[in-house]
Amino acid sequence: MGIDARIETERGTCVAEVEDPHNRMNRLLSLSVLDSTCCLQFIDQYGDTVFNRYQIPVLQSECSALVPLLTDSSISTSSLTLRVNSTC
């Protein structure tokens, strides 16, 4: 099981979800030096990690910086599934 991400309202209602059934995000994070990141270094692969709305732009920027590491054909951005307002 990989690292899944959910966007929830303050009441816990799921708005969107990114699933990682093939554990690609964990592998991508292991290829990176995360000590200098503000958000990525705190992702717990075995538990829940919560970011607030002000941290999201930083998290997006840090994830974008990982894109050059996506060199293996088995790891691609298209392999992650985004579900919006579905069966979250």
C-alpha atoms as a PDB file:
ATOM      1  CA  MET A   1       0.000   0.000   0.000  1.00  0.00           C
ATOM      2  CA  GLY A   2       1.319   3.391  -0.961  1.00  0.00           C
ATOM      3  CA  ILE A   3       0.991   6.891   0.382  1.00  0.00           C
ATOM      4  CA  ASP A   4      -2.484   8.197  -0.408  1.00  0.00           C
ATOM      5  CA  ALA A   5      -3.425  11.877  -0.161  1.00  0.00           C
ATOM      6  CA  ARG A   6      -6.838  13.302   0.656  1.00  0.00           C
ATOM      7  CA  ILE A   7      -8.219  16.801   0.600  1.00  0.00           C
ATOM      8  CA  GLU A   8     -10.883  17.179   3.255  1.00  0.00           C
ATOM      9  CA  THR A   9     -13.105  19.952   4.518  1.00  0.00           C
ATOM     10  CA  GLU A  10     -12.822  21.070   8.128  1.00  0.00           C
ATOM     11  CA  ARG A  11     -15.594  18.597   8.933  1.00  0.00           C
ATOM     12  CA  GLY A  12     -13.681  15.667   7.396  1.00  0.00           C
ATOM     13  CA  THR A  13     -15.685  15.383   4.182  1.00  0.00           C
ATOM     14  CA  CYS A  14     -13.470  14.117   1.368  1.00  0.00           C
ATOM     15  CA  VAL A  15     -13.221  16.540  -1.560  1.00  0.00           C
ATOM     16  CA  ALA A  16     -10.503  14.764  -3.567  1.00  0.00           C
ATOM     17  CA  GLU A  17      -8.177  11.841  -3.179  1.00  0.00           C
ATOM     18  CA  VAL A  18      -4.941  10.748  -4.833  1.00  0.00           C
ATOM     19  CA  GLU A  19      -4.307   7.036  -4.518  1.00  0.00           C
ATOM     20  CA  ASP A  20      -0.929   5.362  -4.787  1.00  0.00           C
ATOM     21  CA  PRO A  21      -1.723   1.628  -4.937  1.00  0.00           C
ATOM     22  CA  HIS A  22       1.719   0.694  -6.284  1.00  0.00           C
ATOM     23  CA  ASN A  23       3.744   2.512  -3.579  1.00  0.00           C
ATOM     24  CA  ARG A  24       5.365   4.863  -6.079  1.00  0.00           C
ATOM     25  CA  MET A  25       5.273   7.961  -3.870  1.00  0.00           C
ATOM     26  CA  ASN A  26       7.179   6.226  -1.106  1.00  0.00           C
ATOM     27  CA  ARG A  27       9.810   5.127  -3.621  1.00  0.00           C
ATOM     28  CA  LEU A  28      10.023   8.660  -5.013  1.00  0.00           C
ATOM     29  CA  LEU A  29      10.436  10.121  -1.526  1.00  0.00           C
ATOM     30  CA  SER A  30      13.193   7.614  -0.762  1.00  0.00           C
ATOM     31  CA  LEU A  31      15.135   8.886  -3.807  1.00  0.00           C
ATOM     32  CA  SER A  32      15.118  12.425  -2.434  1.00  0.00           C
ATOM     33  CA  VAL A  33      16.992  14.280   0.265  1.00  0.00           C
ATOM     34  CA  LEU A  34      14.104  15.634   2.303  1.00  0.00           C
ATOM     35  CA  ASP A  35      16.003  17.344   5.143  1.00  0.00           C
ATOM     36  CA  SER A  36      15.780  20.745   3.483  1.00  0.00           C
ATOM     37  CA  THR A  37      12.054  20.503   2.695  1.00  0.00           C
ATOM     38  CA  CYS A  38       9.398  22.211   4.770  1.00  0.00           C
ATOM     39  CA  CYS A  39       6.581  19.688   4.284  1.00  0.00           C
ATOM     40  CA  LEU A  40       7.743  16.519   2.543  1.00  0.00           C
ATOM     41  CA  GLN A  41      10.115  15.552   5.342  1.00  0.00           C
ATOM     42  CA  PHE A  42       7.169  15.171   7.698  1.00  0.00           C
ATOM     43  CA  ILE A  43       5.159  12.683   5.624  1.00  0.00           C
ATOM     44  CA  ASP A  44       4.698   9.555   7.708  1.00  0.00           C
ATOM     45  CA  GLN A  45       4.406   6.507   5.477  1.00  0.00           C
ATOM     46  CA  TYR A  46       2.825   4.500   8.296  1.00  0.00           C
ATOM     47  CA  GLY A  47       0.401   7.065   9.705  1.00  0.00           C
ATOM     48  CA  ASP A  48      -1.548  10.185   8.912  1.00  0.00           C
ATOM     49  CA  THR A  49       0.111  13.476   8.043  1.00  0.00           C
ATOM     50  CA  VAL A  50      -1.984  16.639   8.004  1.00  0.00           C
ATOM     51  CA  PHE A  51      -1.166  19.871   6.189  1.00  0.00           C
ATOM     52  CA  ASN A  52      -3.196  23.042   6.468  1.00  0.00           C
ATOM     53  CA  ARG A  53      -4.311  25.301   3.637  1.00  0.00           C
ATOM     54  CA  TYR A  54      -1.278  27.579   4.020  1.00  0.00           C
ATOM     55  CA  GLN A  55       1.149  24.679   3.697  1.00  0.00           C
ATOM     56  CA  ILE A  56      -0.440  23.297   0.514  1.00  0.00           C
ATOM     57  CA  PRO A  57       1.339  25.716  -1.901  1.00  0.00           C
ATOM     58  CA  VAL A  58       4.685  24.803  -0.289  1.00  0.00           C
ATOM     59  CA  LEU A  59       3.854  21.101  -0.529  1.00  0.00           C
ATOM     60  CA  GLN A  60       2.884  21.475  -4.201  1.00  0.00           C
ATOM     61  CA  SER A  61       6.144  23.269  -4.928  1.00  0.00           C
ATOM     62  CA  GLU A  62       8.169  20.578  -3.183  1.00  0.00           C
ATOM     63  CA  CYS A  63       6.335  17.840  -5.092  1.00  0.00           C
ATOM     64  CA  SER A  64       6.980  19.677  -8.361  1.00  0.00           C
ATOM     65  CA  ALA A  65      10.682  19.753  -7.520  1.00  0.00           C
ATOM     66  CA  LEU A  66      10.618  15.924  -7.399  1.00  0.00           C
ATOM     67  CA  VAL A  67       9.378  15.618 -10.994  1.00  0.00           C
ATOM     68  CA  PRO A  68      12.907  15.461 -12.491  1.00  0.00           C
ATOM     69  CA  LEU A  69      13.454  12.269 -10.464  1.00  0.00           C
ATOM     70  CA  LEU A  70      10.665  10.576 -12.426  1.00  0.00           C
ATOM     71  CA  THR A  71      12.998   8.871 -14.877  1.00  0.00           C
ATOM     72  CA  ASP A  72      11.937   5.244 -14.476  1.00  0.00           C
ATOM     73  CA  SER A  73       9.181   4.340 -16.906  1.00  0.00           C
ATOM     74  CA  SER A  74       7.384   2.485 -14.122  1.00  0.00           C
ATOM     75  CA  ILE A  75       7.067   5.719 -12.164  1.00  0.00           C
ATOM     76  CA  SER A  76       5.067   8.412 -13.879  1.00  0.00           C
ATOM     77  CA  THR A  77       2.649  11.112 -12.908  1.00  0.00           C
ATOM     78  CA  SER A  78       0.003   9.366 -14.975  1.00  0.00           C
ATOM     79  CA  SER A  79       0.181   6.331 -12.703  1.00  0.00           C
ATOM     80  CA  LEU A  80      -1.371   8.252  -9.837  1.00  0.00           C
ATOM     81  CA  THR A  81      -5.146   8.333  -9.820  1.00  0.00           C
ATOM     82  CA  LEU A  82      -7.083  11.476  -8.877  1.00  0.00           C
ATOM     83  CA  ARG A  83     -10.645  11.016  -7.751  1.00  0.00           C
ATOM     84  CA  VAL A  84     -12.706  14.137  -7.173  1.00  0.00           C
ATOM     85  CA  ASN A  85     -15.986  13.885  -5.241  1.00  0.00           C
ATOM     86  CA  SER A  86     -16.235  10.169  -5.895  1.00  0.00           C
ATOM     87  CA  THR A  87     -16.199   7.355  -3.386  1.00  0.00           C
ATOM     88  CA  CYS A  88     -13.715   8.963  -0.991  1.00  0.00           C
END
